[in-house]
Amino acid sequence: MTTNGTDILPKEESETARRLREVRARRAAVDEARAAAEAERELEVTLEREERALTDAEALAKAEAEYGPEGRKIRALETPMGLIIVKRAGNAAFRRFMDLPKATVDEAERLVRPCRVYPSSSEFDKIVDEYPALWLRLAGAVTKLAGFKAEELSEK
C-alpha cells in the first residue's frame, strides 16, 4: 500500500501479540512432547503384551507336551495379566471338593492350587490377588477337566 508514493511500513508486533505467539509455540512444543511420550508408552505396552503372549504360547505348548491336549488334560484360562494353565485334579482332591455341602473360595483354592501348571507360584499369586474371582473360574476349569459340567457346579 502506498501513500504519496511511499510504502507504509507494517507496525511492529504488539507486546500482547508477541506473548500470545510465544505461549502458543510453547504449548505446541509441550503437546508434541506429550504425544511423543505417549507413543513411546504405547510401544512399550504393545511390546510387553507381545512378550507375554509369546511366553504364554510357549508355556501352553510345553504343558500340552507334558500333560496332554488343552481341553482334555489341561485348561488354559486367559486373564488380564496373562495365561493360567491348570491340569486335572487327583481323584481324592476332586471327590473331597465335590462332597462339600457348599463350595467356598477357600475350598476352590484348595482344589486349584495343586493343579496349577503355569505361571510360577509367585506370578499366579499376583494374578489371583488382583482378580480374586478367578478362583471360581479356575475351580470350574479343574472340575470340567474331571468330566463335571459347569451347570452342575453352578448348582452347587
Protein backbone atom coordinates (compact mmCIF):
# COMPACT_ATOMS: atom_id res chain seq x y z
CA MET A 1 0.00 0.00 0.00
CA THR A 2 1.35 3.40 -0.83
CA THR A 3 0.60 6.85 0.37
CA ASN A 4 2.02 9.69 -1.65
CA GLY A 5 4.35 7.17 -3.29
CA THR A 6 5.90 5.86 -0.09
CA ASP A 7 5.38 2.42 1.36
CA ILE A 8 3.77 2.28 4.75
CA LEU A 9 5.78 0.00 6.92
CA PRO A 10 3.80 -2.52 8.96
CA LYS A 11 3.53 -1.66 12.57
CA GLU A 12 5.66 -3.53 15.00
CA GLU A 13 4.03 -6.54 16.60
CA SER A 14 2.34 -5.59 19.84
CA GLU A 15 3.64 -6.98 23.11
CA THR A 16 0.41 -8.90 23.63
CA ALA A 17 0.55 -10.46 20.15
CA ARG A 18 4.20 -11.44 20.66
CA ARG A 19 3.43 -13.08 24.04
CA LEU A 20 0.44 -14.91 22.56
CA ARG A 21 2.60 -16.27 19.74
CA GLU A 22 5.27 -17.42 22.25
CA VAL A 23 2.72 -19.08 24.55
CA ARG A 24 1.15 -20.92 21.63
CA ALA A 25 4.56 -22.09 20.44
CA ARG A 26 5.50 -23.33 23.91
CA ARG A 27 2.16 -25.09 24.30
CA ALA A 28 2.58 -26.76 20.90
CA ALA A 29 6.04 -27.97 21.98
CA VAL A 30 4.62 -29.38 25.22
CA ASP A 31 1.77 -31.09 23.35
CA GLU A 32 4.24 -32.56 20.86
CA ALA A 33 6.49 -33.87 23.66
CA ARG A 34 3.48 -35.42 25.43
CA ALA A 35 2.34 -37.08 22.20
CA ALA A 36 5.84 -38.50 21.62
CA ALA A 37 5.97 -39.82 25.20
CA GLU A 38 2.51 -41.38 24.82
CA ALA A 39 3.54 -43.05 21.55
CA GLU A 40 6.60 -44.50 23.31
CA ARG A 41 4.44 -45.76 26.20
CA GLU A 42 2.09 -47.41 23.72
CA LEU A 43 5.03 -49.15 22.06
CA GLU A 44 6.25 -50.38 25.44
CA VAL A 45 2.78 -51.69 26.33
CA THR A 46 2.48 -53.42 22.96
CA LEU A 47 5.92 -54.98 23.34
CA GLU A 48 5.08 -56.16 26.86
CA ARG A 49 1.79 -57.65 25.65
CA GLU A 50 3.51 -59.44 22.76
CA GLU A 51 6.26 -60.77 25.02
CA ARG A 52 3.60 -62.08 27.44
CA ALA A 53 1.68 -63.68 24.56
CA LEU A 54 4.86 -65.41 23.35
CA THR A 55 5.71 -66.64 26.85
CA ASP A 56 2.13 -67.87 27.31
CA ALA A 57 2.14 -69.67 23.94
CA GLU A 58 5.44 -71.37 24.77
CA ALA A 59 4.10 -72.40 28.19
CA LEU A 60 0.92 -73.82 26.64
CA ALA A 61 2.94 -75.82 24.11
CA LYS A 62 5.17 -77.14 26.90
CA ALA A 63 2.16 -78.03 29.09
CA GLU A 64 0.47 -79.85 26.20
CA ALA A 65 3.65 -81.82 25.55
CA GLU A 66 3.94 -82.74 29.23
CA TYR A 67 0.30 -83.32 30.25
CA GLY A 68 -1.75 -83.68 27.07
CA PRO A 69 -4.06 -81.60 24.90
CA GLU A 70 -5.70 -78.39 26.07
CA GLY A 71 -9.35 -79.00 26.88
CA ARG A 72 -8.81 -82.66 27.73
CA LYS A 73 -5.85 -82.87 30.10
CA ILE A 74 -5.21 -79.20 30.81
CA ARG A 75 -7.20 -75.95 30.63
CA ALA A 76 -5.77 -72.57 29.70
CA LEU A 77 -7.59 -69.52 31.03
CA GLU A 78 -6.87 -66.06 29.71
CA THR A 79 -6.64 -63.32 32.31
CA PRO A 80 -5.80 -59.62 32.02
CA MET A 81 -2.39 -60.47 33.48
CA GLY A 82 -1.62 -63.48 31.32
CA LEU A 83 -2.47 -67.13 30.89
CA ILE A 84 -3.15 -69.58 33.71
CA ILE A 85 -2.88 -73.28 32.95
CA VAL A 86 -4.34 -75.95 35.23
CA LYS A 87 -4.28 -79.72 34.98
CA ARG A 88 -6.73 -82.35 36.15
CA ALA A 89 -7.16 -82.79 39.87
CA GLY A 90 -6.47 -86.10 41.50
CA ASN A 91 -9.47 -88.29 42.29
CA ALA A 92 -9.26 -87.74 46.05
CA ALA A 93 -8.98 -83.94 45.78
CA PHE A 94 -11.85 -83.77 43.31
CA ARG A 95 -14.09 -86.01 45.44
CA ARG A 96 -13.34 -84.01 48.60
CA PHE A 97 -14.27 -80.80 46.77
CA MET A 98 -17.47 -82.26 45.33
CA ASP A 99 -18.53 -83.80 48.65
CA LEU A 100 -18.61 -80.36 50.27
CA PRO A 101 -22.13 -79.11 51.03
CA LYS A 102 -21.20 -75.73 49.59
CA ALA A 103 -18.19 -74.65 47.54
CA THR A 104 -16.27 -71.75 49.10
CA VAL A 105 -13.42 -69.70 47.72
CA ASP A 106 -11.07 -71.35 50.24
CA GLU A 107 -12.15 -74.78 49.04
CA ALA A 108 -11.80 -73.70 45.41
CA GLU A 109 -8.26 -72.55 46.20
CA ARG A 110 -7.52 -75.87 47.93
CA LEU A 111 -8.70 -77.72 44.80
CA VAL A 112 -6.97 -75.48 42.25
CA ARG A 113 -3.60 -74.66 43.79
CA PRO A 114 -2.06 -78.16 43.35
CA CYS A 115 -3.38 -78.20 39.76
CA ARG A 116 -1.56 -75.02 38.71
CA VAL A 117 0.85 -75.73 35.90
CA TYR A 118 1.60 -72.19 34.76
CA PRO A 119 2.59 -69.47 35.65
CA SER A 120 5.05 -69.71 38.53
CA SER A 121 3.59 -69.72 42.03
CA SER A 122 4.56 -66.10 42.64
CA GLU A 123 3.05 -64.91 39.34
CA PHE A 124 -0.04 -66.99 39.96
CA ASP A 125 -0.45 -65.42 43.41
CA LYS A 126 -0.16 -61.93 41.91
CA ILE A 127 -2.88 -62.71 39.38
CA VAL A 128 -5.37 -64.19 41.85
CA ASP A 129 -4.62 -61.41 44.34
CA GLU A 130 -5.50 -58.87 41.65
CA TYR A 131 -8.51 -60.86 40.38
CA PRO A 132 -9.84 -62.99 43.28
CA ALA A 133 -12.94 -64.10 41.37
CA LEU A 134 -10.62 -66.23 39.23
CA TRP A 135 -10.73 -68.91 41.92
CA LEU A 136 -14.26 -69.73 40.79
CA ARG A 137 -13.31 -69.85 37.11
CA LEU A 138 -10.26 -71.95 37.90
CA ALA A 139 -12.26 -74.39 40.03
CA GLY A 140 -14.74 -74.64 37.17
CA ALA A 141 -11.90 -75.42 34.75
CA VAL A 142 -10.48 -78.11 37.04
CA THR A 143 -13.86 -79.74 37.59
CA LYS A 144 -14.61 -79.62 33.87
CA LEU A 145 -11.37 -81.49 33.22
CA ALA A 146 -12.65 -84.14 35.62
CA GLY A 147 -15.77 -84.53 33.47
CA PHE A 148 -18.05 -82.33 35.54
CA LYS A 149 -20.31 -79.91 33.66
CA ALA A 150 -20.22 -76.20 34.53
CA GLU A 151 -24.00 -76.09 35.03
CA GLU A 152 -23.72 -78.76 37.70
CA LEU A 153 -21.05 -76.75 39.55
CA SER A 154 -23.16 -73.59 39.49
CA GLU A 155 -26.00 -75.51 41.15
CA LYS A 156 -23.64 -76.44 43.96
